[in-house]
Amino acid sequence: MQLTSNGPYWSCCCRRARSPAGPPRWARRQLIDGNRFRVRTGIPWRDVPEKYGPWGRVFDLLRRRQRNGTWQRIFTQPQARPMRRT
């Protein structure tokens, strides 16, 4: 069972924003993987493994993206596009 964020839609959910304070301490990809791990396993937020970042940052990213509609766009855009045959 693979729990990492790979695939053709990764670029749409992990755009880099420059911060004047410097580079982020935790990569967004790690935090998103932490969200996916938590949702998939159903564990409490405080039990998210440290390799995904602090549980508070993982939760904060999820909530911010829920509130601004990012997750809705991520899940509806791929459904609107026809699949390509490879």
C-alpha atoms as a PDB file:
ATOM      1  CA  MET A   1       0.000   0.000   0.000  1.00  0.00           C
ATOM      2  CA  GLN A   2       1.668   3.207  -1.166  1.00  0.00           C
ATOM      3  CA  LEU A   3       0.984   6.361   0.831  1.00  0.00           C
ATOM      4  CA  THR A   4       3.108   8.908  -1.021  1.00  0.00           C
ATOM      5  CA  SER A   5       1.847  11.653  -3.313  1.00  0.00           C
ATOM      6  CA  ASN A   6       2.922  10.740  -6.830  1.00  0.00           C
ATOM      7  CA  GLY A   7       1.139  11.030 -10.101  1.00  0.00           C
ATOM      8  CA  PRO A   8       0.086  13.448 -12.803  1.00  0.00           C
ATOM      9  CA  TYR A   9      -1.971  15.698 -10.527  1.00  0.00           C
ATOM     10  CA  TRP A  10       0.758  16.410  -7.972  1.00  0.00           C
ATOM     11  CA  SER A  11       1.794  19.700  -9.576  1.00  0.00           C
ATOM     12  CA  CYS A  12      -1.687  21.201  -9.218  1.00  0.00           C
ATOM     13  CA  CYS A  13      -1.782  20.715  -5.455  1.00  0.00           C
ATOM     14  CA  CYS A  14       1.761  21.676  -4.538  1.00  0.00           C
ATOM     15  CA  ARG A  15       2.634  25.002  -6.096  1.00  0.00           C
ATOM     16  CA  ARG A  16       5.504  26.715  -4.345  1.00  0.00           C
ATOM     17  CA  ALA A  17       4.895  30.108  -2.835  1.00  0.00           C
ATOM     18  CA  ARG A  18       7.956  32.180  -1.980  1.00  0.00           C
ATOM     19  CA  SER A  19       8.127  33.215   1.630  1.00  0.00           C
ATOM     20  CA  PRO A  20      10.049  36.306   2.741  1.00  0.00           C
ATOM     21  CA  ALA A  21      11.017  34.423   5.915  1.00  0.00           C
ATOM     22  CA  GLY A  22      12.956  31.805   3.953  1.00  0.00           C
ATOM     23  CA  PRO A  23      12.270  28.260   2.847  1.00  0.00           C
ATOM     24  CA  PRO A  24       9.630  26.268   4.731  1.00  0.00           C
ATOM     25  CA  ARG A  25      10.885  23.903   7.378  1.00  0.00           C
ATOM     26  CA  TRP A  26       8.613  21.080   6.211  1.00  0.00           C
ATOM     27  CA  ALA A  27       7.976  20.396   2.534  1.00  0.00           C
ATOM     28  CA  ARG A  28       4.334  20.667   1.522  1.00  0.00           C
ATOM     29  CA  ARG A  29       4.609  17.241   0.009  1.00  0.00           C
ATOM     30  CA  GLN A  30       5.431  15.791   3.441  1.00  0.00           C
ATOM     31  CA  LEU A  31       2.472  17.596   4.998  1.00  0.00           C
ATOM     32  CA  ILE A  32       0.085  16.437   2.270  1.00  0.00           C
ATOM     33  CA  ASP A  33       1.362  12.885   2.665  1.00  0.00           C
ATOM     34  CA  GLY A  34       0.649  13.268   6.387  1.00  0.00           C
ATOM     35  CA  ASN A  35      -2.925  14.305   5.585  1.00  0.00           C
ATOM     36  CA  ARG A  36      -3.348  11.331   3.292  1.00  0.00           C
ATOM     37  CA  PHE A  37      -1.896   8.979   5.904  1.00  0.00           C
ATOM     38  CA  ARG A  38      -4.208  10.311   8.593  1.00  0.00           C
ATOM     39  CA  VAL A  39      -7.323  10.078   6.411  1.00  0.00           C
ATOM     40  CA  ARG A  40      -6.434   6.612   5.167  1.00  0.00           C
ATOM     41  CA  THR A  41      -5.620   5.109   8.573  1.00  0.00           C
ATOM     42  CA  GLY A  42      -8.131   7.042  10.699  1.00  0.00           C
ATOM     43  CA  ILE A  43      -5.638   7.697  13.485  1.00  0.00           C
ATOM     44  CA  PRO A  44      -5.974  10.728  15.788  1.00  0.00           C
ATOM     45  CA  TRP A  45      -4.180  13.884  14.607  1.00  0.00           C
ATOM     46  CA  ARG A  46      -1.672  13.732  17.445  1.00  0.00           C
ATOM     47  CA  ASP A  47      -0.577  10.261  16.306  1.00  0.00           C
ATOM     48  CA  VAL A  48       0.502  11.320  12.801  1.00  0.00           C
ATOM     49  CA  PRO A  49       4.116  10.102  12.427  1.00  0.00           C
ATOM     50  CA  GLU A  50       6.778  12.787  12.796  1.00  0.00           C
ATOM     51  CA  LYS A  51       8.207  11.984   9.338  1.00  0.00           C
ATOM     52  CA  TYR A  52       5.215  13.868   7.895  1.00  0.00           C
ATOM     53  CA  GLY A  53       5.878  16.917  10.038  1.00  0.00           C
ATOM     54  CA  PRO A  54       4.319  18.127  13.271  1.00  0.00           C
ATOM     55  CA  TRP A  55       0.682  17.109  13.530  1.00  0.00           C
ATOM     56  CA  GLY A  56      -0.384  20.733  14.023  1.00  0.00           C
ATOM     57  CA  ARG A  57       1.213  21.792  10.721  1.00  0.00           C
ATOM     58  CA  VAL A  58      -0.344  18.818   8.920  1.00  0.00           C
ATOM     59  CA  PHE A  59      -3.770  19.747  10.294  1.00  0.00           C
ATOM     60  CA  ASP A  60      -3.251  23.456   9.573  1.00  0.00           C
ATOM     61  CA  LEU A  61      -2.466  22.776   5.913  1.00  0.00           C
ATOM     62  CA  LEU A  62      -5.574  20.622   5.582  1.00  0.00           C
ATOM     63  CA  ARG A  63      -7.848  23.257   7.139  1.00  0.00           C
ATOM     64  CA  ARG A  64      -6.403  26.163   5.155  1.00  0.00           C
ATOM     65  CA  ARG A  65      -6.855  24.264   1.902  1.00  0.00           C
ATOM     66  CA  GLN A  66     -10.387  23.235   2.830  1.00  0.00           C
ATOM     67  CA  ARG A  67     -11.373  26.811   3.573  1.00  0.00           C
ATOM     68  CA  ASN A  68      -9.963  28.321   0.378  1.00  0.00           C
ATOM     69  CA  GLY A  69     -11.441  25.599  -1.881  1.00  0.00           C
ATOM     70  CA  THR A  70      -8.156  24.040  -3.028  1.00  0.00           C
ATOM     71  CA  TRP A  71      -9.197  20.453  -2.270  1.00  0.00           C
ATOM     72  CA  GLN A  72     -12.482  20.940  -4.123  1.00  0.00           C
ATOM     73  CA  ARG A  73     -10.615  22.139  -7.215  1.00  0.00           C
ATOM     74  CA  ILE A  74      -8.102  19.292  -7.008  1.00  0.00           C
ATOM     75  CA  PHE A  75     -10.825  16.652  -6.950  1.00  0.00           C
ATOM     76  CA  THR A  76     -13.139  18.175  -9.568  1.00  0.00           C
ATOM     77  CA  GLN A  77     -10.615  19.242 -12.229  1.00  0.00           C
ATOM     78  CA  PRO A  78      -9.320  15.727 -13.012  1.00  0.00           C
ATOM     79  CA  GLN A  79     -12.899  14.476 -13.254  1.00  0.00           C
ATOM     80  CA  ALA A  80     -13.759  17.157 -15.801  1.00  0.00           C
ATOM     81  CA  ARG A  81     -10.875  16.228 -18.122  1.00  0.00           C
ATOM     82  CA  PRO A  82     -11.135  13.213 -20.429  1.00  0.00           C
ATOM     83  CA  MET A  83      -8.654  10.421 -19.771  1.00  0.00           C
ATOM     84  CA  ARG A  84      -5.775  10.015 -22.200  1.00  0.00           C
ATOM     85  CA  ARG A  85      -4.807   6.603 -23.442  1.00  0.00           C
ATOM     86  CA  THR A  86      -1.149   5.810 -23.122  1.00  0.00           C
END
